[in-house]
Amino acid sequence: MNPLTDFLGQYITDNRKATIEKVLDNRTRYMTLVLEDIYQSQNASAVVRTCECMGIQDLHIVESKSKYSVNKKVLMGSNKWMNLIRYKEKELGKTNISACYAKLKSEGYRIVATHPAAGISIDELSIDSKIAVVMGNELKGITKFALDNADELVRIPMFGFTESMNISVSAAICIRSLVSRIRASGTAWKLSDTEKDILRLEWYRKSLKQPAIMEKDFQAKGKLNT
């Protein structure tokens, strides 16, 4: 364990540390979600909360036309324990969505866009590689670029007259379907030990009221011992 993590752990209860270890053991980056221009704060916040509850560590948020905003009552602090990766400033020669796709591809994700006319359902989607599920905004859905550059399209099974569901409900259905199957499979879906070490230190800091003061004390003691 990182010496700083071990030092900070002195100030955290055993119960809290046990909870952190349990959550770390159930965290995954094998799947992630992409939210493209979600403009209603309660919807975006509900998706963040669902991701955290279901053990997803990263959420990619594309802000080309709509700025990501939060609803603290809906979030319930869930964003504190996740990595929210935001694309809000266009890189040279790239749009925000293309920058997001490039990052996902570089990390080995298969990009799957949700679309009501897709041939396969979320329950039929292969889980033999890392998956990034893309969801569009509440009014217009996914942009043409996002659709055209996805590796696959997938639909959420529906049996009524209405063509689509609320974005937070759609996300929850996709997450539940994929996470359940991924966890039951033999694939290596858990975080690496290095990833756990990094998050453990972050979460120890977030579990303390004044971690900066404690870290200064740690550094001072280290200098005295050299």
C-alpha atoms as a PDB file:
ATOM      1  CA  MET A   1       0.000   0.000   0.000  1.00  0.00           C
ATOM      2  CA  ASN A   2       1.127   3.561  -0.726  1.00  0.00           C
ATOM      3  CA  PRO A   3       2.816   4.967   2.451  1.00  0.00           C
ATOM      4  CA  LEU A   4       0.589   8.058   2.304  1.00  0.00           C
ATOM      5  CA  THR A   5      -2.518   5.890   2.011  1.00  0.00           C
ATOM      6  CA  ASP A   6      -1.342   3.860   4.997  1.00  0.00           C
ATOM      7  CA  PHE A   7      -0.724   7.055   6.969  1.00  0.00           C
ATOM      8  CA  LEU A   8      -4.138   8.542   6.202  1.00  0.00           C
ATOM      9  CA  GLY A   9      -5.733   5.214   7.034  1.00  0.00           C
ATOM     10  CA  GLN A  10      -4.864   5.788  10.684  1.00  0.00           C
ATOM     11  CA  TYR A  11      -7.579   8.448  10.790  1.00  0.00           C
ATOM     12  CA  ILE A  12     -10.291   6.378   9.109  1.00  0.00           C
ATOM     13  CA  THR A  13     -12.470   3.905  10.964  1.00  0.00           C
ATOM     14  CA  ASP A  14     -12.102   0.199  10.270  1.00  0.00           C
ATOM     15  CA  ASN A  15     -15.728   0.094   9.154  1.00  0.00           C
ATOM     16  CA  ARG A  16     -15.126   2.863   6.611  1.00  0.00           C
ATOM     17  CA  LYS A  17     -12.003   1.171   5.281  1.00  0.00           C
ATOM     18  CA  ALA A  18     -13.871  -2.127   4.933  1.00  0.00           C
ATOM     19  CA  THR A  19     -16.599  -0.355   2.943  1.00  0.00           C
ATOM     20  CA  ILE A  20     -13.990   1.233   0.658  1.00  0.00           C
ATOM     21  CA  GLU A  21     -12.371  -2.171   0.020  1.00  0.00           C
ATOM     22  CA  LYS A  22     -15.752  -3.733  -0.752  1.00  0.00           C
ATOM     23  CA  VAL A  23     -16.615  -0.981  -3.243  1.00  0.00           C
ATOM     24  CA  LEU A  24     -13.164  -1.150  -4.853  1.00  0.00           C
ATOM     25  CA  ASP A  25     -13.566  -4.893  -5.349  1.00  0.00           C
ATOM     26  CA  ASN A  26     -16.821  -4.293  -7.221  1.00  0.00           C
ATOM     27  CA  ARG A  27     -15.711  -1.339  -9.348  1.00  0.00           C
ATOM     28  CA  THR A  28     -15.273  -1.699 -13.093  1.00  0.00           C
ATOM     29  CA  ARG A  29     -13.974   0.143 -16.114  1.00  0.00           C
ATOM     30  CA  TYR A  30     -14.947  -2.715 -18.403  1.00  0.00           C
ATOM     31  CA  MET A  31     -17.993  -0.695 -19.371  1.00  0.00           C
ATOM     32  CA  THR A  32     -18.675   3.028 -19.355  1.00  0.00           C
ATOM     33  CA  LEU A  33     -21.338   5.449 -20.528  1.00  0.00           C
ATOM     34  CA  VAL A  34     -21.187   8.516 -22.775  1.00  0.00           C
ATOM     35  CA  LEU A  35     -23.782  11.269 -22.329  1.00  0.00           C
ATOM     36  CA  GLU A  36     -23.963  13.543 -25.367  1.00  0.00           C
ATOM     37  CA  ASP A  37     -25.382  17.012 -24.657  1.00  0.00           C
ATOM     38  CA  ILE A  38     -27.757  16.114 -21.838  1.00  0.00           C
ATOM     39  CA  TYR A  39     -29.321  19.423 -20.824  1.00  0.00           C
ATOM     40  CA  GLN A  40     -31.613  18.520 -17.925  1.00  0.00           C
ATOM     41  CA  SER A  41     -29.653  18.439 -14.676  1.00  0.00           C
ATOM     42  CA  GLN A  42     -31.920  15.895 -13.028  1.00  0.00           C
ATOM     43  CA  ASN A  43     -31.412  13.457 -15.885  1.00  0.00           C
ATOM     44  CA  ALA A  44     -27.623  13.784 -15.942  1.00  0.00           C
ATOM     45  CA  SER A  45     -27.476  13.539 -12.157  1.00  0.00           C
ATOM     46  CA  ALA A  46     -29.693  10.446 -12.113  1.00  0.00           C
ATOM     47  CA  VAL A  47     -27.368   8.723 -14.588  1.00  0.00           C
ATOM     48  CA  VAL A  48     -24.314   9.586 -12.470  1.00  0.00           C
ATOM     49  CA  ARG A  49     -26.010   8.162  -9.378  1.00  0.00           C
ATOM     50  CA  THR A  50     -27.041   4.962 -11.187  1.00  0.00           C
ATOM     51  CA  CYS A  51     -23.522   4.445 -12.543  1.00  0.00           C
ATOM     52  CA  GLU A  52     -22.004   4.836  -9.089  1.00  0.00           C
ATOM     53  CA  CYS A  53     -24.530   2.499  -7.475  1.00  0.00           C
ATOM     54  CA  MET A  54     -23.859  -0.158 -10.116  1.00  0.00           C
ATOM     55  CA  GLY A  55     -20.079   0.016  -9.787  1.00  0.00           C
ATOM     56  CA  ILE A  56     -19.144   1.945 -12.940  1.00  0.00           C
ATOM     57  CA  GLN A  57     -16.146   4.173 -12.254  1.00  0.00           C
ATOM     58  CA  ASP A  58     -16.007   6.437 -15.333  1.00  0.00           C
ATOM     59  CA  LEU A  59     -18.666   8.499 -17.073  1.00  0.00           C
ATOM     60  CA  HIS A  60     -17.893  10.500 -20.227  1.00  0.00           C
ATOM     61  CA  ILE A  61     -19.838  13.745 -20.660  1.00  0.00           C
ATOM     62  CA  VAL A  62     -19.843  15.544 -24.020  1.00  0.00           C
ATOM     63  CA  GLU A  63     -20.781  19.234 -23.825  1.00  0.00           C
ATOM     64  CA  SER A  64     -20.933  20.538 -27.373  1.00  0.00           C
ATOM     65  CA  LYS A  65     -24.193  22.502 -27.092  1.00  0.00           C
ATOM     66  CA  SER A  66     -25.415  21.826 -23.554  1.00  0.00           C
ATOM     67  CA  LYS A  67     -23.367  22.388 -20.419  1.00  0.00           C
ATOM     68  CA  TYR A  68     -23.365  19.629 -17.844  1.00  0.00           C
ATOM     69  CA  SER A  69     -25.085  20.783 -14.673  1.00  0.00           C
ATOM     70  CA  VAL A  70     -25.970  18.919 -11.514  1.00  0.00           C
ATOM     71  CA  ASN A  71     -28.919  18.456  -9.220  1.00  0.00           C
ATOM     72  CA  LYS A  72     -27.411  17.845  -5.783  1.00  0.00           C
ATOM     73  CA  LYS A  73     -30.617  16.362  -4.404  1.00  0.00           C
ATOM     74  CA  VAL A  74     -30.602  13.731  -7.147  1.00  0.00           C
ATOM     75  CA  LEU A  75     -26.841  13.104  -7.039  1.00  0.00           C
ATOM     76  CA  MET A  76     -26.773  12.355  -3.290  1.00  0.00           C
ATOM     77  CA  GLY A  77     -22.974  12.788  -3.376  1.00  0.00           C
ATOM     78  CA  SER A  78     -22.474   9.994  -5.924  1.00  0.00           C
ATOM     79  CA  ASN A  79     -20.235  12.143  -8.157  1.00  0.00           C
ATOM     80  CA  LYS A  80     -17.721  12.307  -5.297  1.00  0.00           C
ATOM     81  CA  TRP A  81     -16.732   8.693  -5.898  1.00  0.00           C
ATOM     82  CA  MET A  82     -16.603   8.670  -9.703  1.00  0.00           C
ATOM     83  CA  ASN A  83     -14.456  10.012 -12.511  1.00  0.00           C
ATOM     84  CA  LEU A  84     -16.527  12.374 -14.650  1.00  0.00           C
ATOM     85  CA  ILE A  85     -14.570  12.924 -17.864  1.00  0.00           C
ATOM     86  CA  ARG A  86     -15.870  16.050 -19.551  1.00  0.00           C
ATOM     87  CA  TYR A  87     -15.379  17.164 -23.166  1.00  0.00           C
ATOM     88  CA  LYS A  88     -16.281  20.850 -23.252  1.00  0.00           C
ATOM     89  CA  GLU A  89     -13.499  22.584 -25.151  1.00  0.00           C
ATOM     90  CA  LYS A  90     -12.856  21.591 -28.753  1.00  0.00           C
ATOM     91  CA  GLU A  91      -9.370  20.328 -29.462  1.00  0.00           C
ATOM     92  CA  LEU A  92      -7.572  21.473 -32.578  1.00  0.00           C
ATOM     93  CA  GLY A  93      -9.246  19.768 -35.521  1.00  0.00           C
ATOM     94  CA  LYS A  94     -11.677  17.823 -33.347  1.00  0.00           C
ATOM     95  CA  THR A  95     -15.220  18.247 -32.105  1.00  0.00           C
ATOM     96  CA  ASN A  96     -16.012  17.314 -28.528  1.00  0.00           C
ATOM     97  CA  ILE A  97     -17.715  14.077 -29.551  1.00  0.00           C
ATOM     98  CA  SER A  98     -14.848  13.087 -31.851  1.00  0.00           C
ATOM     99  CA  ALA A  99     -12.361  13.777 -29.038  1.00  0.00           C
ATOM    100  CA  CYS A 100     -14.435  11.557 -26.768  1.00  0.00           C
ATOM    101  CA  TYR A 101     -14.534   8.758 -29.327  1.00  0.00           C
ATOM    102  CA  ALA A 102     -10.779   9.022 -29.912  1.00  0.00           C
ATOM    103  CA  LYS A 103     -10.092   8.685 -26.187  1.00  0.00           C
ATOM    104  CA  LEU A 104     -12.405   5.708 -25.839  1.00  0.00           C
ATOM    105  CA  LYS A 105     -10.827   3.980 -28.841  1.00  0.00           C
ATOM    106  CA  SER A 106      -7.332   4.571 -27.435  1.00  0.00           C
ATOM    107  CA  GLU A 107      -8.438   2.821 -24.243  1.00  0.00           C
ATOM    108  CA  GLY A 108      -9.766  -0.210 -26.106  1.00  0.00           C
ATOM    109  CA  TYR A 109     -13.499   0.451 -25.888  1.00  0.00           C
ATOM    110  CA  ARG A 110     -16.048  -0.748 -28.422  1.00  0.00           C
ATOM    111  CA  ILE A 111     -18.418   2.184 -28.964  1.00  0.00           C
ATOM    112  CA  VAL A 112     -22.101   1.242 -28.958  1.00  0.00           C
ATOM    113  CA  ALA A 113     -24.714   3.904 -29.720  1.00  0.00           C
ATOM    114  CA  THR A 114     -28.330   3.497 -28.652  1.00  0.00           C
ATOM    115  CA  HIS A 115     -30.897   3.802 -31.435  1.00  0.00           C
ATOM    116  CA  PRO A 116     -34.533   2.601 -31.591  1.00  0.00           C
ATOM    117  CA  ALA A 117     -34.082   1.130 -35.086  1.00  0.00           C
ATOM    118  CA  ALA A 118     -31.000  -0.959 -34.219  1.00  0.00           C
ATOM    119  CA  GLY A 119     -31.106  -4.620 -35.134  1.00  0.00           C
ATOM    120  CA  ILE A 120     -29.989  -6.033 -31.785  1.00  0.00           C
ATOM    121  CA  SER A 121     -31.186  -5.292 -28.280  1.00  0.00           C
ATOM    122  CA  ILE A 122     -29.042  -4.370 -25.289  1.00  0.00           C
ATOM    123  CA  ASP A 123     -29.683  -7.851 -23.884  1.00  0.00           C
ATOM    124  CA  GLU A 124     -28.163  -9.441 -27.018  1.00  0.00           C
ATOM    125  CA  LEU A 125     -25.074  -7.234 -27.181  1.00  0.00           C
ATOM    126  CA  SER A 126     -21.795  -9.125 -27.011  1.00  0.00           C
ATOM    127  CA  ILE A 127     -19.744  -8.494 -23.858  1.00  0.00           C
ATOM    128  CA  ASP A 128     -16.512 -10.025 -25.125  1.00  0.00           C
ATOM    129  CA  SER A 129     -14.701  -6.657 -25.069  1.00  0.00           C
ATOM    130  CA  LYS A 130     -14.841  -3.339 -23.213  1.00  0.00           C
ATOM    131  CA  ILE A 131     -18.021  -1.394 -23.967  1.00  0.00           C
ATOM    132  CA  ALA A 132     -18.884   2.320 -24.073  1.00  0.00           C
ATOM    133  CA  VAL A 133     -22.622   2.959 -24.418  1.00  0.00           C
ATOM    134  CA  VAL A 134     -23.536   6.315 -25.990  1.00  0.00           C
ATOM    135  CA  MET A 135     -26.791   8.086 -25.154  1.00  0.00           C
ATOM    136  CA  GLY A 136     -28.060  11.260 -26.801  1.00  0.00           C
ATOM    137  CA  ASN A 137     -29.926  14.228 -25.414  1.00  0.00           C
ATOM    138  CA  GLU A 138     -33.552  14.408 -24.390  1.00  0.00           C
ATOM    139  CA  LEU A 139     -34.832  16.209 -27.489  1.00  0.00           C
ATOM    140  CA  LYS A 140     -32.815  15.209 -30.552  1.00  0.00           C
ATOM    141  CA  GLY A 141     -31.081  12.037 -29.430  1.00  0.00           C
ATOM    142  CA  ILE A 142     -27.615  11.119 -30.676  1.00  0.00           C
ATOM    143  CA  THR A 143     -25.866  13.282 -33.273  1.00  0.00           C
ATOM    144  CA  LYS A 144     -25.140  12.009 -36.774  1.00  0.00           C
ATOM    145  CA  PHE A 145     -21.407  11.858 -36.026  1.00  0.00           C
ATOM    146  CA  ALA A 146     -21.990   9.779 -32.927  1.00  0.00           C
ATOM    147  CA  LEU A 147     -24.168   7.349 -34.860  1.00  0.00           C
ATOM    148  CA  ASP A 148     -22.005   7.140 -37.972  1.00  0.00           C
ATOM    149  CA  ASN A 149     -18.798   6.562 -36.023  1.00  0.00           C
ATOM    150  CA  ALA A 150     -20.086   4.034 -33.504  1.00  0.00           C
ATOM    151  CA  ASP A 151     -18.915   0.442 -33.868  1.00  0.00           C
ATOM    152  CA  GLU A 152     -22.409  -0.887 -33.271  1.00  0.00           C
ATOM    153  CA  LEU A 153     -25.982   0.270 -32.727  1.00  0.00           C
ATOM    154  CA  VAL A 154     -28.213  -1.200 -30.052  1.00  0.00           C
ATOM    155  CA  ARG A 155     -31.829  -0.731 -29.034  1.00  0.00           C
ATOM    156  CA  ILE A 156     -33.643  -0.981 -25.734  1.00  0.00           C
ATOM    157  CA  PRO A 157     -36.552  -3.438 -26.024  1.00  0.00           C
ATOM    158  CA  MET A 158     -39.912  -1.637 -25.834  1.00  0.00           C
ATOM    159  CA  PHE A 159     -43.422  -2.913 -26.459  1.00  0.00           C
ATOM    160  CA  GLY A 160     -45.643   0.159 -26.377  1.00  0.00           C
ATOM    161  CA  PHE A 161     -46.573   2.985 -28.753  1.00  0.00           C
ATOM    162  CA  THR A 162     -43.961   5.436 -27.454  1.00  0.00           C
ATOM    163  CA  GLU A 163     -40.611   5.326 -29.264  1.00  0.00           C
ATOM    164  CA  SER A 164     -38.310   6.293 -26.419  1.00  0.00           C
ATOM    165  CA  MET A 165     -37.930   6.460 -22.655  1.00  0.00           C
ATOM    166  CA  ASN A 166     -36.485   9.075 -20.330  1.00  0.00           C
ATOM    167  CA  ILE A 167     -32.680   9.191 -20.655  1.00  0.00           C
ATOM    168  CA  SER A 168     -32.067   8.224 -17.034  1.00  0.00           C
ATOM    169  CA  VAL A 169     -34.417   5.231 -17.339  1.00  0.00           C
ATOM    170  CA  SER A 170     -32.769   4.163 -20.603  1.00  0.00           C
ATOM    171  CA  ALA A 171     -29.334   4.393 -19.003  1.00  0.00           C
ATOM    172  CA  ALA A 172     -30.450   2.354 -15.997  1.00  0.00           C
ATOM    173  CA  ILE A 173     -31.819  -0.421 -18.232  1.00  0.00           C
ATOM    174  CA  CYS A 174     -28.609  -0.584 -20.282  1.00  0.00           C
ATOM    175  CA  ILE A 175     -26.396  -0.549 -17.197  1.00  0.00           C
ATOM    176  CA  ARG A 176     -28.393  -3.249 -15.440  1.00  0.00           C
ATOM    177  CA  SER A 177     -28.377  -5.533 -18.478  1.00  0.00           C
ATOM    178  CA  LEU A 178     -24.675  -5.186 -19.197  1.00  0.00           C
ATOM    179  CA  VAL A 179     -23.325  -5.092 -15.645  1.00  0.00           C
ATOM    180  CA  SER A 180     -25.278  -8.201 -14.657  1.00  0.00           C
ATOM    181  CA  ARG A 181     -23.961 -10.182 -17.608  1.00  0.00           C
ATOM    182  CA  ILE A 182     -20.405  -8.869 -17.299  1.00  0.00           C
ATOM    183  CA  ARG A 183     -20.197  -9.737 -13.609  1.00  0.00           C
ATOM    184  CA  ALA A 184     -21.523 -13.238 -14.268  1.00  0.00           C
ATOM    185  CA  SER A 185     -19.051 -13.845 -17.114  1.00  0.00           C
ATOM    186  CA  GLY A 186     -15.502 -15.095 -16.814  1.00  0.00           C
ATOM    187  CA  THR A 187     -14.018 -11.891 -18.200  1.00  0.00           C
ATOM    188  CA  ALA A 188     -11.549  -9.794 -16.207  1.00  0.00           C
ATOM    189  CA  TRP A 189     -13.925  -6.923 -15.411  1.00  0.00           C
ATOM    190  CA  LYS A 190     -12.426  -5.746 -12.125  1.00  0.00           C
ATOM    191  CA  LEU A 191      -9.957  -2.902 -11.604  1.00  0.00           C
ATOM    192  CA  SER A 192      -6.247  -3.652 -11.568  1.00  0.00           C
ATOM    193  CA  ASP A 193      -4.326  -3.412  -8.286  1.00  0.00           C
ATOM    194  CA  THR A 194      -2.743  -0.171  -9.518  1.00  0.00           C
ATOM    195  CA  GLU A 195      -6.147   1.331 -10.297  1.00  0.00           C
ATOM    196  CA  LYS A 196      -7.381   0.297  -6.863  1.00  0.00           C
ATOM    197  CA  ASP A 197      -4.351   1.896  -5.185  1.00  0.00           C
ATOM    198  CA  ILE A 198      -5.008   5.214  -6.941  1.00  0.00           C
ATOM    199  CA  LEU A 199      -8.700   5.240  -6.052  1.00  0.00           C
ATOM    200  CA  ARG A 200      -8.073   4.076  -2.492  1.00  0.00           C
ATOM    201  CA  LEU A 201      -5.869   7.115  -1.850  1.00  0.00           C
ATOM    202  CA  GLU A 202      -8.438   9.441  -3.465  1.00  0.00           C
ATOM    203  CA  TRP A 203     -11.262   7.970  -1.404  1.00  0.00           C
ATOM    204  CA  TYR A 204      -9.256   8.124   1.829  1.00  0.00           C
ATOM    205  CA  ARG A 205      -8.714  11.811   1.183  1.00  0.00           C
ATOM    206  CA  LYS A 206     -12.409  12.326   0.506  1.00  0.00           C
ATOM    207  CA  SER A 207     -13.306  10.481   3.698  1.00  0.00           C
ATOM    208  CA  LEU A 208     -11.348  12.943   5.860  1.00  0.00           C
ATOM    209  CA  LYS A 209     -12.237  16.493   6.837  1.00  0.00           C
ATOM    210  CA  GLN A 210      -8.773  18.025   6.482  1.00  0.00           C
ATOM    211  CA  PRO A 211      -6.611  15.680   4.395  1.00  0.00           C
ATOM    212  CA  ALA A 212      -4.278  18.474   3.237  1.00  0.00           C
ATOM    213  CA  ILE A 213      -3.201  19.188   6.826  1.00  0.00           C
ATOM    214  CA  MET A 214      -2.615  15.497   7.434  1.00  0.00           C
ATOM    215  CA  GLU A 215      -0.557  15.183   4.264  1.00  0.00           C
ATOM    216  CA  LYS A 216       1.644  18.087   5.362  1.00  0.00           C
ATOM    217  CA  ASP A 217       2.198  16.259   8.639  1.00  0.00           C
ATOM    218  CA  PHE A 218       3.106  13.111   6.690  1.00  0.00           C
ATOM    219  CA  GLN A 219       5.593  15.026   4.535  1.00  0.00           C
ATOM    220  CA  ALA A 220       7.130  16.736   7.584  1.00  0.00           C
ATOM    221  CA  LYS A 221       7.649  13.406   9.341  1.00  0.00           C
ATOM    222  CA  GLY A 222       9.207  12.001   6.198  1.00  0.00           C
ATOM    223  CA  LYS A 223      11.754  14.842   6.077  1.00  0.00           C
ATOM    224  CA  LEU A 224      12.624  14.376   9.748  1.00  0.00           C
ATOM    225  CA  ASN A 225      13.369  10.719   9.108  1.00  0.00           C
ATOM    226  CA  THR A 226      15.720  11.400   6.179  1.00  0.00           C
END
